[in-house]
Amino acid sequence: MDSALSTTALPIALAIIMFGLGLSLTVSDFARVARHPKAVGIALVCQLIVLPAIAFGLVLLFDLPALLAVGMMLLAASPGGTTANLFSHLFRGDVALNVSLTAVNSVIAVVTLPLITNFALGYFDPPEGANLGLQFAKVVQIFAIVLIPVALGVWVRRIRPAFADRMDRPVRVGSAVVLALVIVGTVVAERENVGGYLADIGVVVFLFCVLSLSIGFLVPRGLGVTYRQSIACSMEIGIHNSTLAITIAISLLDSTRIAVPAAVYGVMMFPLAALFGWAITYRRTAPDQPDGVSEPSPGAAPRR
C-alpha cells in the first residue's frame, strides 16, 4: 500500500474516528463501571483473555500461515468496534454499558494489544519477523492515535455538548466510509492473493466472529448478567475495531498481509452481528430488566 497512505492517511483517519468516539463519552461513563462491576468484569475477561485464546486455538487448528496468524491475534486483541453501540441499541441492549466498556477498553488496549501482538510475532515467527514488532516507539504511536483523540473528544463534549450532539451523525457516517475505504485499500493492495487468503482464513474469520458474539452473550447470561446487558456484551465483544487492527498492521508493522484478517472480519461482522442480534431477540418482546440495568445517560449518545 502506498507509503503516504499507510504512514499518514490511515493514522489520521483513525484518529478522527477515535475523536468522534470520544465525543460520545463523558467522565461519568468511566464512573458507571463501578456501579456495574459484574457485567463489566465478565465482558473484559471475555474480551482480553478468552477471545485471544480462541483466536490462538483457531490459528493452530487451521494451521494458518504465519502472517495471517499474527493478523488474527492482532484482530482478537483489538477492542470493540465503533458500531457496537448502534447494534446494541437496535437489539435492545444496554447502550450505557457499551459506552462504559468502550471507555475502559480504549485505555486497556494500549497495553494489551502490543503484548498480544508481540507474543504472536514471537511465537509464529513470520519470515519478515526481524523487521516487525511493536517496540516502545510504536506503542507510543498506538497511545497517540487511540487515547489522545478519545480524550480530546471527551473534553470537547464536556465544554461543547451541543457540538458533540451535532457531530454524532456525520462522524458515524464518516467512520463507516473510512472502514470501507480501508478494507477496499487492503484488498486492492493484496488483490493477487485475495482468493488464497479467503481460502485460508474465510472459515477461521467466520468461526471467530460467531464465537465472539456467542461467548459475549452466553457467558455473561450464564453468570447471571441481565438479558439487556448480555446483549450489550455480545455486541461489544463481537464487533471489533477492524480499522484499528488494519492501521496497526499497515502503518506500524508495515504488512498488508497481517491486515487481511481484520479486513475480512470488517466485511463479515456486520451481517453476522445483525443475524445474531435478531436470533437472540426473536420473539422476545420484553427483555427482563432486573435491578442493575442501566439506561443510556443523556450524555451517552449511541456510538458510531
C-alpha atoms as a PDB file:
ATOM      1  CA  MET A   1       0.000   0.000   0.000  1.00  0.00           C
ATOM      2  CA  ASP A   2       1.282   3.486  -0.827  1.00  0.00           C
ATOM      3  CA  SER A   3       3.566   4.812   1.918  1.00  0.00           C
ATOM      4  CA  ALA A   4       1.774   8.155   2.174  1.00  0.00           C
ATOM      5  CA  LEU A   5      -1.485   6.324   2.806  1.00  0.00           C
ATOM      6  CA  SER A   6      -0.010   3.929   5.337  1.00  0.00           C
ATOM      7  CA  THR A   7       2.088   6.429   7.288  1.00  0.00           C
ATOM      8  CA  THR A   8      -0.157   9.492   7.189  1.00  0.00           C
ATOM      9  CA  ALA A   9      -3.690   8.990   5.881  1.00  0.00           C
ATOM     10  CA  LEU A  10      -4.580   5.863   7.866  1.00  0.00           C
ATOM     11  CA  PRO A  11      -3.403   7.142  11.275  1.00  0.00           C
ATOM     12  CA  ILE A  12      -5.135  10.489  10.695  1.00  0.00           C
ATOM     13  CA  ALA A  13      -8.361   8.767   9.645  1.00  0.00           C
ATOM     14  CA  LEU A  14      -8.256   6.509  12.707  1.00  0.00           C
ATOM     15  CA  ALA A  15      -7.516   9.479  14.978  1.00  0.00           C
ATOM     16  CA  ILE A  16     -10.601  11.247  13.603  1.00  0.00           C
ATOM     17  CA  ILE A  17     -12.709   8.152  14.255  1.00  0.00           C
ATOM     18  CA  MET A  18     -11.385   7.874  17.812  1.00  0.00           C
ATOM     19  CA  PHE A  19     -12.067  11.603  18.349  1.00  0.00           C
ATOM     20  CA  GLY A  20     -15.643  11.006  17.205  1.00  0.00           C
ATOM     21  CA  LEU A  21     -15.844   8.121  19.646  1.00  0.00           C
ATOM     22  CA  GLY A  22     -14.677  10.426  22.414  1.00  0.00           C
ATOM     23  CA  LEU A  23     -17.477  12.862  21.541  1.00  0.00           C
ATOM     24  CA  SER A  24     -19.964  10.179  22.668  1.00  0.00           C
ATOM     25  CA  LEU A  25     -18.222   9.634  26.021  1.00  0.00           C
ATOM     26  CA  THR A  26     -18.354  11.500  29.312  1.00  0.00           C
ATOM     27  CA  VAL A  27     -16.386  11.159  32.525  1.00  0.00           C
ATOM     28  CA  SER A  28     -19.468   9.545  34.082  1.00  0.00           C
ATOM     29  CA  ASP A  29     -19.134   6.666  31.603  1.00  0.00           C
ATOM     30  CA  PHE A  30     -15.951   5.645  33.382  1.00  0.00           C
ATOM     31  CA  ALA A  31     -17.548   6.128  36.799  1.00  0.00           C
ATOM     32  CA  ARG A  32     -20.506   3.961  35.795  1.00  0.00           C
ATOM     33  CA  VAL A  33     -18.180   0.962  35.626  1.00  0.00           C
ATOM     34  CA  ALA A  34     -18.005   0.918  39.426  1.00  0.00           C
ATOM     35  CA  ARG A  35     -21.802   0.685  39.655  1.00  0.00           C
ATOM     36  CA  HIS A  36     -21.950  -2.407  37.399  1.00  0.00           C
ATOM     37  CA  PRO A  37     -18.694  -4.241  38.128  1.00  0.00           C
ATOM     38  CA  LYS A  38     -20.029  -7.736  37.430  1.00  0.00           C
ATOM     39  CA  ALA A  39     -21.098  -7.165  33.813  1.00  0.00           C
ATOM     40  CA  VAL A  40     -18.008  -5.079  33.063  1.00  0.00           C
ATOM     41  CA  GLY A  41     -15.654  -7.607  34.678  1.00  0.00           C
ATOM     42  CA  ILE A  42     -17.124 -10.570  32.800  1.00  0.00           C
ATOM     43  CA  ALA A  43     -17.071  -8.713  29.485  1.00  0.00           C
ATOM     44  CA  LEU A  44     -13.455  -7.640  29.951  1.00  0.00           C
ATOM     45  CA  VAL A  45     -12.338 -11.175  30.806  1.00  0.00           C
ATOM     46  CA  CYS A  46     -14.042 -12.447  27.651  1.00  0.00           C
ATOM     47  CA  GLN A  47     -12.533  -9.640  25.576  1.00  0.00           C
ATOM     48  CA  LEU A  48      -8.996  -9.660  26.933  1.00  0.00           C
ATOM     49  CA  ILE A  49      -8.390 -13.334  27.760  1.00  0.00           C
ATOM     50  CA  VAL A  50     -10.982 -15.667  26.237  1.00  0.00           C
ATOM     51  CA  LEU A  51     -11.035 -14.205  22.704  1.00  0.00           C
ATOM     52  CA  PRO A  52      -7.235 -14.188  22.203  1.00  0.00           C
ATOM     53  CA  ALA A  53      -7.160 -17.778  23.479  1.00  0.00           C
ATOM     54  CA  ILE A  54      -9.888 -18.777  20.998  1.00  0.00           C
ATOM     55  CA  ALA A  55      -8.122 -16.990  18.131  1.00  0.00           C
ATOM     56  CA  PHE A  56      -4.888 -18.753  19.050  1.00  0.00           C
ATOM     57  CA  GLY A  57      -6.665 -22.121  19.076  1.00  0.00           C
ATOM     58  CA  LEU A  58      -8.287 -21.481  15.686  1.00  0.00           C
ATOM     59  CA  VAL A  59      -4.982 -20.400  14.188  1.00  0.00           C
ATOM     60  CA  LEU A  60      -3.316 -23.613  15.356  1.00  0.00           C
ATOM     61  CA  LEU A  61      -6.291 -25.789  14.385  1.00  0.00           C
ATOM     62  CA  PHE A  62      -6.346 -24.472  10.815  1.00  0.00           C
ATOM     63  CA  ASP A  63      -2.548 -24.118  10.590  1.00  0.00           C
ATOM     64  CA  LEU A  64      -2.638 -20.587   9.186  1.00  0.00           C
ATOM     65  CA  PRO A  65       0.439 -19.054   7.523  1.00  0.00           C
ATOM     66  CA  ALA A  66       2.495 -17.001   9.969  1.00  0.00           C
ATOM     67  CA  LEU A  67       1.490 -13.509   8.833  1.00  0.00           C
ATOM     68  CA  LEU A  68      -2.217 -14.359   8.748  1.00  0.00           C
ATOM     69  CA  ALA A  69      -1.869 -15.964  12.185  1.00  0.00           C
ATOM     70  CA  VAL A  70      -0.387 -12.735  13.542  1.00  0.00           C
ATOM     71  CA  GLY A  71      -3.214 -10.822  11.882  1.00  0.00           C
ATOM     72  CA  MET A  72      -5.820 -12.983  13.632  1.00  0.00           C
ATOM     73  CA  MET A  73      -4.180 -12.374  17.012  1.00  0.00           C
ATOM     74  CA  LEU A  74      -3.981  -8.633  16.313  1.00  0.00           C
ATOM     75  CA  LEU A  75      -7.688  -8.677  15.460  1.00  0.00           C
ATOM     76  CA  ALA A  76      -8.534 -10.600  18.642  1.00  0.00           C
ATOM     77  CA  ALA A  77      -6.572  -8.080  20.719  1.00  0.00           C
ATOM     78  CA  SER A  78      -8.375  -5.097  19.213  1.00  0.00           C
ATOM     79  CA  PRO A  79     -11.115  -3.510  21.348  1.00  0.00           C
ATOM     80  CA  GLY A  80     -14.788  -3.248  20.457  1.00  0.00           C
ATOM     81  CA  GLY A  81     -15.684  -1.591  17.186  1.00  0.00           C
ATOM     82  CA  THR A  82     -17.295   1.794  16.810  1.00  0.00           C
ATOM     83  CA  THR A  83     -20.704   0.406  15.794  1.00  0.00           C
ATOM     84  CA  ALA A  84     -21.254  -1.814  18.828  1.00  0.00           C
ATOM     85  CA  ASN A  85     -23.462   0.821  20.451  1.00  0.00           C
ATOM     86  CA  LEU A  86     -25.652   1.069  17.379  1.00  0.00           C
ATOM     87  CA  PHE A  87     -26.194  -2.688  17.170  1.00  0.00           C
ATOM     88  CA  SER A  88     -26.819  -2.853  20.911  1.00  0.00           C
ATOM     89  CA  HIS A  89     -29.412  -0.099  20.582  1.00  0.00           C
ATOM     90  CA  LEU A  90     -31.119  -1.841  17.670  1.00  0.00           C
ATOM     91  CA  PHE A  91     -31.490  -5.075  19.615  1.00  0.00           C
ATOM     92  CA  ARG A  92     -32.465  -3.502  22.956  1.00  0.00           C
ATOM     93  CA  GLY A  93     -29.132  -3.918  24.665  1.00  0.00           C
ATOM     94  CA  ASP A  94     -27.826  -1.761  27.488  1.00  0.00           C
ATOM     95  CA  VAL A  95     -26.177   1.004  25.460  1.00  0.00           C
ATOM     96  CA  ALA A  96     -24.779   2.721  28.551  1.00  0.00           C
ATOM     97  CA  LEU A  97     -22.874  -0.480  29.353  1.00  0.00           C
ATOM     98  CA  ASN A  98     -21.462  -0.485  25.810  1.00  0.00           C
ATOM     99  CA  VAL A  99     -20.261   3.073  26.264  1.00  0.00           C
ATOM    100  CA  SER A 100     -18.626   2.196  29.587  1.00  0.00           C
ATOM    101  CA  LEU A 101     -16.939  -0.883  28.126  1.00  0.00           C
ATOM    102  CA  THR A 102     -15.650   1.153  25.194  1.00  0.00           C
ATOM    103  CA  ALA A 103     -14.218   3.760  27.525  1.00  0.00           C
ATOM    104  CA  VAL A 104     -12.387   1.130  29.576  1.00  0.00           C
ATOM    105  CA  ASN A 105     -11.297  -0.901  26.535  1.00  0.00           C
ATOM    106  CA  SER A 106      -9.825   2.168  24.855  1.00  0.00           C
ATOM    107  CA  VAL A 107      -7.467   2.547  27.812  1.00  0.00           C
ATOM    108  CA  ILE A 108      -6.617  -1.124  28.389  1.00  0.00           C
ATOM    109  CA  ALA A 109      -5.983  -1.890  24.706  1.00  0.00           C
ATOM    110  CA  VAL A 110      -2.992   0.447  24.698  1.00  0.00           C
ATOM    111  CA  VAL A 111      -1.267  -2.112  26.945  1.00  0.00           C
ATOM    112  CA  THR A 112      -2.804  -5.446  25.951  1.00  0.00           C
ATOM    113  CA  LEU A 113      -2.749  -5.002  22.170  1.00  0.00           C
ATOM    114  CA  PRO A 114       1.066  -4.638  21.904  1.00  0.00           C
ATOM    115  CA  LEU A 115       1.577  -7.515  24.369  1.00  0.00           C
ATOM    116  CA  ILE A 116      -0.621  -9.957  22.443  1.00  0.00           C
ATOM    117  CA  THR A 117       0.706  -8.839  19.049  1.00  0.00           C
ATOM    118  CA  ASN A 118       4.331  -9.174  20.124  1.00  0.00           C
ATOM    119  CA  PHE A 119       3.567 -12.615  21.586  1.00  0.00           C
ATOM    120  CA  ALA A 120       2.101 -13.671  18.223  1.00  0.00           C
ATOM    121  CA  LEU A 121       5.096 -12.289  16.311  1.00  0.00           C
ATOM    122  CA  GLY A 122       7.472 -14.186  18.583  1.00  0.00           C
ATOM    123  CA  TYR A 123       5.510 -17.436  18.519  1.00  0.00           C
ATOM    124  CA  PHE A 124       4.701 -17.652  14.812  1.00  0.00           C
ATOM    125  CA  ASP A 125       7.994 -16.023  13.735  1.00  0.00           C
ATOM    126  CA  PRO A 126       6.945 -14.798  10.281  1.00  0.00           C
ATOM    127  CA  PRO A 127       9.641 -14.532   7.584  1.00  0.00           C
ATOM    128  CA  GLU A 128       9.711 -10.755   7.958  1.00  0.00           C
ATOM    129  CA  GLY A 129       9.867 -11.127  11.739  1.00  0.00           C
ATOM    130  CA  ALA A 130      13.166  -9.319  12.020  1.00  0.00           C
ATOM    131  CA  ASN A 131      11.515  -6.178  10.692  1.00  0.00           C
ATOM    132  CA  LEU A 132       8.285  -6.480  12.653  1.00  0.00           C
ATOM    133  CA  GLY A 133       7.300  -5.801  16.222  1.00  0.00           C
ATOM    134  CA  LEU A 134       5.657  -3.199  18.411  1.00  0.00           C
ATOM    135  CA  GLN A 135       8.610  -1.651  20.201  1.00  0.00           C
ATOM    136  CA  PHE A 136       8.246   1.206  22.665  1.00  0.00           C
ATOM    137  CA  ALA A 137       8.126   3.908  19.998  1.00  0.00           C
ATOM    138  CA  LYS A 138       5.316   2.109  18.172  1.00  0.00           C
ATOM    139  CA  VAL A 139       3.410   1.562  21.426  1.00  0.00           C
ATOM    140  CA  VAL A 140       3.616   5.329  21.944  1.00  0.00           C
ATOM    141  CA  GLN A 141       2.120   5.739  18.469  1.00  0.00           C
ATOM    142  CA  ILE A 142      -0.780   3.477  19.438  1.00  0.00           C
ATOM    143  CA  PHE A 143      -1.287   5.644  22.504  1.00  0.00           C
ATOM    144  CA  ALA A 144      -1.247   8.749  20.322  1.00  0.00           C
ATOM    145  CA  ILE A 145      -3.813   7.533  17.793  1.00  0.00           C
ATOM    146  CA  VAL A 146      -6.127   5.884  20.336  1.00  0.00           C
ATOM    147  CA  LEU A 147      -6.145   7.585  23.724  1.00  0.00           C
ATOM    148  CA  ILE A 148      -5.275  11.175  22.851  1.00  0.00           C
ATOM    149  CA  PRO A 149      -8.110  11.641  20.289  1.00  0.00           C
ATOM    150  CA  VAL A 150     -10.586   9.927  22.642  1.00  0.00           C
ATOM    151  CA  ALA A 151      -9.523  12.205  25.496  1.00  0.00           C
ATOM    152  CA  LEU A 152      -9.895  15.257  23.257  1.00  0.00           C
ATOM    153  CA  GLY A 153     -13.370  14.112  22.255  1.00  0.00           C
ATOM    154  CA  VAL A 154     -14.395  13.690  25.904  1.00  0.00           C
ATOM    155  CA  TRP A 155     -13.051  17.159  26.668  1.00  0.00           C
ATOM    156  CA  VAL A 156     -14.906  18.742  23.712  1.00  0.00           C
ATOM    157  CA  ARG A 157     -18.143  17.049  24.779  1.00  0.00           C
ATOM    158  CA  ARG A 158     -17.675  18.438  28.273  1.00  0.00           C
ATOM    159  CA  ILE A 159     -17.300  22.043  27.111  1.00  0.00           C
ATOM    160  CA  ARG A 160     -19.447  21.901  23.930  1.00  0.00           C
ATOM    161  CA  PRO A 161     -22.148  19.222  24.376  1.00  0.00           C
ATOM    162  CA  ALA A 162     -24.354  20.708  21.641  1.00  0.00           C
ATOM    163  CA  PHE A 163     -21.499  20.463  19.133  1.00  0.00           C
ATOM    164  CA  ALA A 164     -20.853  16.863  20.165  1.00  0.00           C
ATOM    165  CA  ASP A 165     -24.502  16.002  19.564  1.00  0.00           C
ATOM    166  CA  ARG A 166     -24.475  17.667  16.131  1.00  0.00           C
ATOM    167  CA  MET A 167     -21.381  15.716  15.132  1.00  0.00           C
ATOM    168  CA  ASP A 168     -22.894  12.339  16.070  1.00  0.00           C
ATOM    169  CA  ARG A 169     -24.330  11.500  12.662  1.00  0.00           C
ATOM    170  CA  PRO A 170     -21.512  12.940  10.495  1.00  0.00           C
ATOM    171  CA  VAL A 171     -18.841  11.075  12.437  1.00  0.00           C
ATOM    172  CA  ARG A 172     -20.890   7.864  12.370  1.00  0.00           C
ATOM    173  CA  VAL A 173     -21.179   8.081   8.582  1.00  0.00           C
ATOM    174  CA  GLY A 174     -17.539   9.071   8.272  1.00  0.00           C
ATOM    175  CA  SER A 175     -16.432   6.103  10.351  1.00  0.00           C
ATOM    176  CA  ALA A 176     -18.332   3.705   8.111  1.00  0.00           C
ATOM    177  CA  VAL A 177     -16.840   5.302   4.989  1.00  0.00           C
ATOM    178  CA  VAL A 178     -13.305   5.143   6.392  1.00  0.00           C
ATOM    179  CA  LEU A 179     -13.719   1.474   7.330  1.00  0.00           C
ATOM    180  CA  ALA A 180     -14.998   0.688   3.838  1.00  0.00           C
ATOM    181  CA  LEU A 181     -12.106   2.559   2.184  1.00  0.00           C
ATOM    182  CA  VAL A 182      -9.540   0.881   4.433  1.00  0.00           C
ATOM    183  CA  ILE A 183     -10.946  -2.564   3.633  1.00  0.00           C
ATOM    184  CA  VAL A 184     -11.042  -1.831  -0.101  1.00  0.00           C
ATOM    185  CA  GLY A 185      -7.497  -0.445   0.002  1.00  0.00           C
ATOM    186  CA  THR A 186      -6.227  -3.546   1.796  1.00  0.00           C
ATOM    187  CA  VAL A 187      -7.948  -5.887  -0.650  1.00  0.00           C
ATOM    188  CA  VAL A 188      -6.663  -3.938  -3.672  1.00  0.00           C
ATOM    189  CA  ALA A 189      -3.114  -3.971  -2.337  1.00  0.00           C
ATOM    190  CA  GLU A 190      -3.310  -7.762  -1.972  1.00  0.00           C
ATOM    191  CA  ARG A 191      -5.579  -8.398  -4.968  1.00  0.00           C
ATOM    192  CA  GLU A 192      -3.313 -11.075  -6.423  1.00  0.00           C
ATOM    193  CA  ASN A 193      -3.590 -13.112  -3.226  1.00  0.00           C
ATOM    194  CA  VAL A 194      -7.195 -12.387  -2.198  1.00  0.00           C
ATOM    195  CA  GLY A 195      -8.515 -15.751  -3.393  1.00  0.00           C
ATOM    196  CA  GLY A 196      -5.848 -17.640  -1.482  1.00  0.00           C
ATOM    197  CA  TYR A 197      -6.367 -15.553   1.660  1.00  0.00           C
ATOM    198  CA  LEU A 198     -10.105 -16.169   1.629  1.00  0.00           C
ATOM    199  CA  ALA A 199      -9.466 -19.882   1.252  1.00  0.00           C
ATOM    200  CA  ASP A 200      -7.005 -19.716   4.155  1.00  0.00           C
ATOM    201  CA  ILE A 201      -8.893 -17.515   6.594  1.00  0.00           C
ATOM    202  CA  GLY A 202     -12.521 -17.218   5.443  1.00  0.00           C
ATOM    203  CA  VAL A 203     -13.709 -20.092   7.634  1.00  0.00           C
ATOM    204  CA  VAL A 204     -11.463 -19.037  10.528  1.00  0.00           C
ATOM    205  CA  VAL A 205     -12.758 -15.460  10.478  1.00  0.00           C
ATOM    206  CA  PHE A 206     -16.364 -16.671  10.233  1.00  0.00           C
ATOM    207  CA  LEU A 207     -15.935 -19.016  13.208  1.00  0.00           C
ATOM    208  CA  PHE A 208     -14.138 -16.364  15.239  1.00  0.00           C
ATOM    209  CA  CYS A 209     -16.918 -13.834  14.625  1.00  0.00           C
ATOM    210  CA  VAL A 210     -19.691 -16.284  15.542  1.00  0.00           C
ATOM    211  CA  LEU A 211     -17.803 -17.449  18.640  1.00  0.00           C
ATOM    212  CA  SER A 212     -17.102 -13.845  19.708  1.00  0.00           C
ATOM    213  CA  LEU A 213     -20.785 -12.909  19.514  1.00  0.00           C
ATOM    214  CA  SER A 214     -21.909 -16.149  21.180  1.00  0.00           C
ATOM    215  CA  ILE A 215     -19.420 -16.033  24.037  1.00  0.00           C
ATOM    216  CA  GLY A 216     -20.166 -12.359  24.569  1.00  0.00           C
ATOM    217  CA  PHE A 217     -23.820 -13.244  25.130  1.00  0.00           C
ATOM    218  CA  LEU A 218     -23.841 -16.744  26.654  1.00  0.00           C
ATOM    219  CA  VAL A 219     -21.062 -16.334  29.224  1.00  0.00           C
ATOM    220  CA  PRO A 220     -22.497 -13.188  30.866  1.00  0.00           C
ATOM    221  CA  ARG A 221     -26.006 -14.629  30.662  1.00  0.00           C
ATOM    222  CA  GLY A 222     -24.877 -17.908  32.224  1.00  0.00           C
ATOM    223  CA  LEU A 223     -23.226 -15.996  35.065  1.00  0.00           C
ATOM    224  CA  GLY A 224     -26.394 -14.103  35.938  1.00  0.00           C
ATOM    225  CA  VAL A 225     -25.945 -10.878  33.982  1.00  0.00           C
ATOM    226  CA  THR A 226     -29.254  -9.382  32.813  1.00  0.00           C
ATOM    227  CA  TYR A 227     -30.537 -10.021  29.307  1.00  0.00           C
ATOM    228  CA  ARG A 228     -30.035  -6.463  28.092  1.00  0.00           C
ATOM    229  CA  GLN A 229     -26.529  -6.281  29.491  1.00  0.00           C
ATOM    230  CA  SER A 230     -25.698  -9.640  27.895  1.00  0.00           C
ATOM    231  CA  ILE A 231     -26.784  -8.260  24.512  1.00  0.00           C
ATOM    232  CA  ALA A 232     -24.529  -5.252  25.085  1.00  0.00           C
ATOM    233  CA  CYS A 233     -21.599  -7.517  26.000  1.00  0.00           C
ATOM    234  CA  SER A 234     -22.178  -9.619  22.896  1.00  0.00           C
ATOM    235  CA  MET A 235     -22.060  -6.642  20.559  1.00  0.00           C
ATOM    236  CA  GLU A 236     -19.067  -5.089  22.310  1.00  0.00           C
ATOM    237  CA  ILE A 237     -17.100  -8.350  22.167  1.00  0.00           C
ATOM    238  CA  GLY A 238     -18.262  -9.471  18.723  1.00  0.00           C
ATOM    239  CA  ILE A 239     -17.775  -6.188  16.828  1.00  0.00           C
ATOM    240  CA  HIS A 240     -14.048  -5.479  16.764  1.00  0.00           C
ATOM    241  CA  ASN A 241     -12.304  -2.277  15.763  1.00  0.00           C
ATOM    242  CA  SER A 242     -11.123  -3.534  12.374  1.00  0.00           C
ATOM    243  CA  THR A 243      -9.889  -0.077  11.410  1.00  0.00           C
ATOM    244  CA  LEU A 244      -7.508  -0.029  14.375  1.00  0.00           C
ATOM    245  CA  ALA A 245      -6.181  -3.514  13.572  1.00  0.00           C
ATOM    246  CA  ILE A 246      -5.667  -2.665   9.894  1.00  0.00           C
ATOM    247  CA  THR A 247      -3.981   0.656  10.725  1.00  0.00           C
ATOM    248  CA  ILE A 248      -1.535  -1.005  13.119  1.00  0.00           C
ATOM    249  CA  ALA A 249      -0.774  -3.781  10.632  1.00  0.00           C
ATOM    250  CA  ILE A 250      -0.120  -1.426   7.727  1.00  0.00           C
ATOM    251  CA  SER A 251       1.242   1.703   9.410  1.00  0.00           C
ATOM    252  CA  LEU A 252       3.225   0.256  12.330  1.00  0.00           C
ATOM    253  CA  LEU A 253       4.035  -3.294  11.226  1.00  0.00           C
ATOM    254  CA  ASP A 254       4.341  -2.398   7.525  1.00  0.00           C
ATOM    255  CA  SER A 255       2.491  -5.543   6.465  1.00  0.00           C
ATOM    256  CA  THR A 256      -0.663  -5.580   4.374  1.00  0.00           C
ATOM    257  CA  ARG A 257      -0.905  -9.348   4.794  1.00  0.00           C
ATOM    258  CA  ILE A 258      -1.239  -9.013   8.553  1.00  0.00           C
ATOM    259  CA  ALA A 259      -4.151  -6.640   7.889  1.00  0.00           C
ATOM    260  CA  VAL A 260      -6.076  -9.164   5.778  1.00  0.00           C
ATOM    261  CA  PRO A 261      -7.879 -10.989   8.643  1.00  0.00           C
ATOM    262  CA  ALA A 262      -9.162  -7.670  10.014  1.00  0.00           C
ATOM    263  CA  ALA A 263     -10.294  -6.607   6.539  1.00  0.00           C
ATOM    264  CA  VAL A 264     -12.226  -9.847   6.039  1.00  0.00           C
ATOM    265  CA  TYR A 265     -13.670  -9.543   9.546  1.00  0.00           C
ATOM    266  CA  GLY A 266     -14.732  -5.989   8.813  1.00  0.00           C
ATOM    267  CA  VAL A 267     -16.899  -7.290   5.977  1.00  0.00           C
ATOM    268  CA  MET A 268     -18.325 -10.306   7.834  1.00  0.00           C
ATOM    269  CA  MET A 269     -19.042  -8.882  11.266  1.00  0.00           C
ATOM    270  CA  PHE A 270     -21.922  -6.578  10.369  1.00  0.00           C
ATOM    271  CA  PRO A 271     -24.271  -9.106   8.721  1.00  0.00           C
ATOM    272  CA  LEU A 272     -23.331 -11.748  11.275  1.00  0.00           C
ATOM    273  CA  ALA A 273     -23.952  -9.345  14.171  1.00  0.00           C
ATOM    274  CA  ALA A 274     -27.325  -8.406  12.664  1.00  0.00           C
ATOM    275  CA  LEU A 275     -28.347 -12.061  12.262  1.00  0.00           C
ATOM    276  CA  PHE A 276     -27.131 -12.908  15.757  1.00  0.00           C
ATOM    277  CA  GLY A 277     -28.953  -9.936  17.278  1.00  0.00           C
ATOM    278  CA  TRP A 278     -32.154 -10.967  15.521  1.00  0.00           C
ATOM    279  CA  ALA A 279     -31.739 -14.574  16.704  1.00  0.00           C
ATOM    280  CA  ILE A 280     -31.343 -13.711  20.390  1.00  0.00           C
ATOM    281  CA  THR A 281     -34.177 -11.177  20.415  1.00  0.00           C
ATOM    282  CA  TYR A 282     -36.652 -13.024  18.168  1.00  0.00           C
ATOM    283  CA  ARG A 283     -39.990 -13.476  19.936  1.00  0.00           C
ATOM    284  CA  ARG A 284     -38.605 -11.722  22.999  1.00  0.00           C
ATOM    285  CA  THR A 285     -40.720  -8.604  23.112  1.00  0.00           C
ATOM    286  CA  ALA A 286     -39.984  -7.640  26.711  1.00  0.00           C
ATOM    287  CA  PRO A 287     -36.442  -8.488  27.827  1.00  0.00           C
ATOM    288  CA  ASP A 288     -36.063  -8.856  31.574  1.00  0.00           C
ATOM    289  CA  GLN A 289     -34.852  -5.822  33.447  1.00  0.00           C
ATOM    290  CA  PRO A 290     -33.802  -6.852  36.951  1.00  0.00           C
ATOM    291  CA  ASP A 291     -32.191  -4.237  39.128  1.00  0.00           C
ATOM    292  CA  GLY A 292     -28.765  -3.264  37.913  1.00  0.00           C
ATOM    293  CA  VAL A 293     -29.838  -2.469  34.367  1.00  0.00           C
ATOM    294  CA  SER A 294     -28.630   0.930  33.302  1.00  0.00           C
ATOM    295  CA  GLU A 295     -30.225   3.127  30.690  1.00  0.00           C
ATOM    296  CA  PRO A 296     -28.170   5.368  28.401  1.00  0.00           C
ATOM    297  CA  SER A 297     -27.310   8.619  30.073  1.00  0.00           C
ATOM    298  CA  PRO A 298     -28.284  11.887  28.363  1.00  0.00           C
ATOM    299  CA  GLY A 299     -24.627  12.445  27.502  1.00  0.00           C
ATOM    300  CA  ALA A 300     -24.087   8.942  26.105  1.00  0.00           C
ATOM    301  CA  ALA A 301     -25.214   9.068  22.505  1.00  0.00           C
ATOM    302  CA  PRO A 302     -25.059   5.786  20.612  1.00  0.00           C
ATOM    303  CA  ARG A 303     -21.550   5.249  19.316  1.00  0.00           C
ATOM    304  CA  ARG A 304     -20.930   5.187  15.621  1.00  0.00           C
END
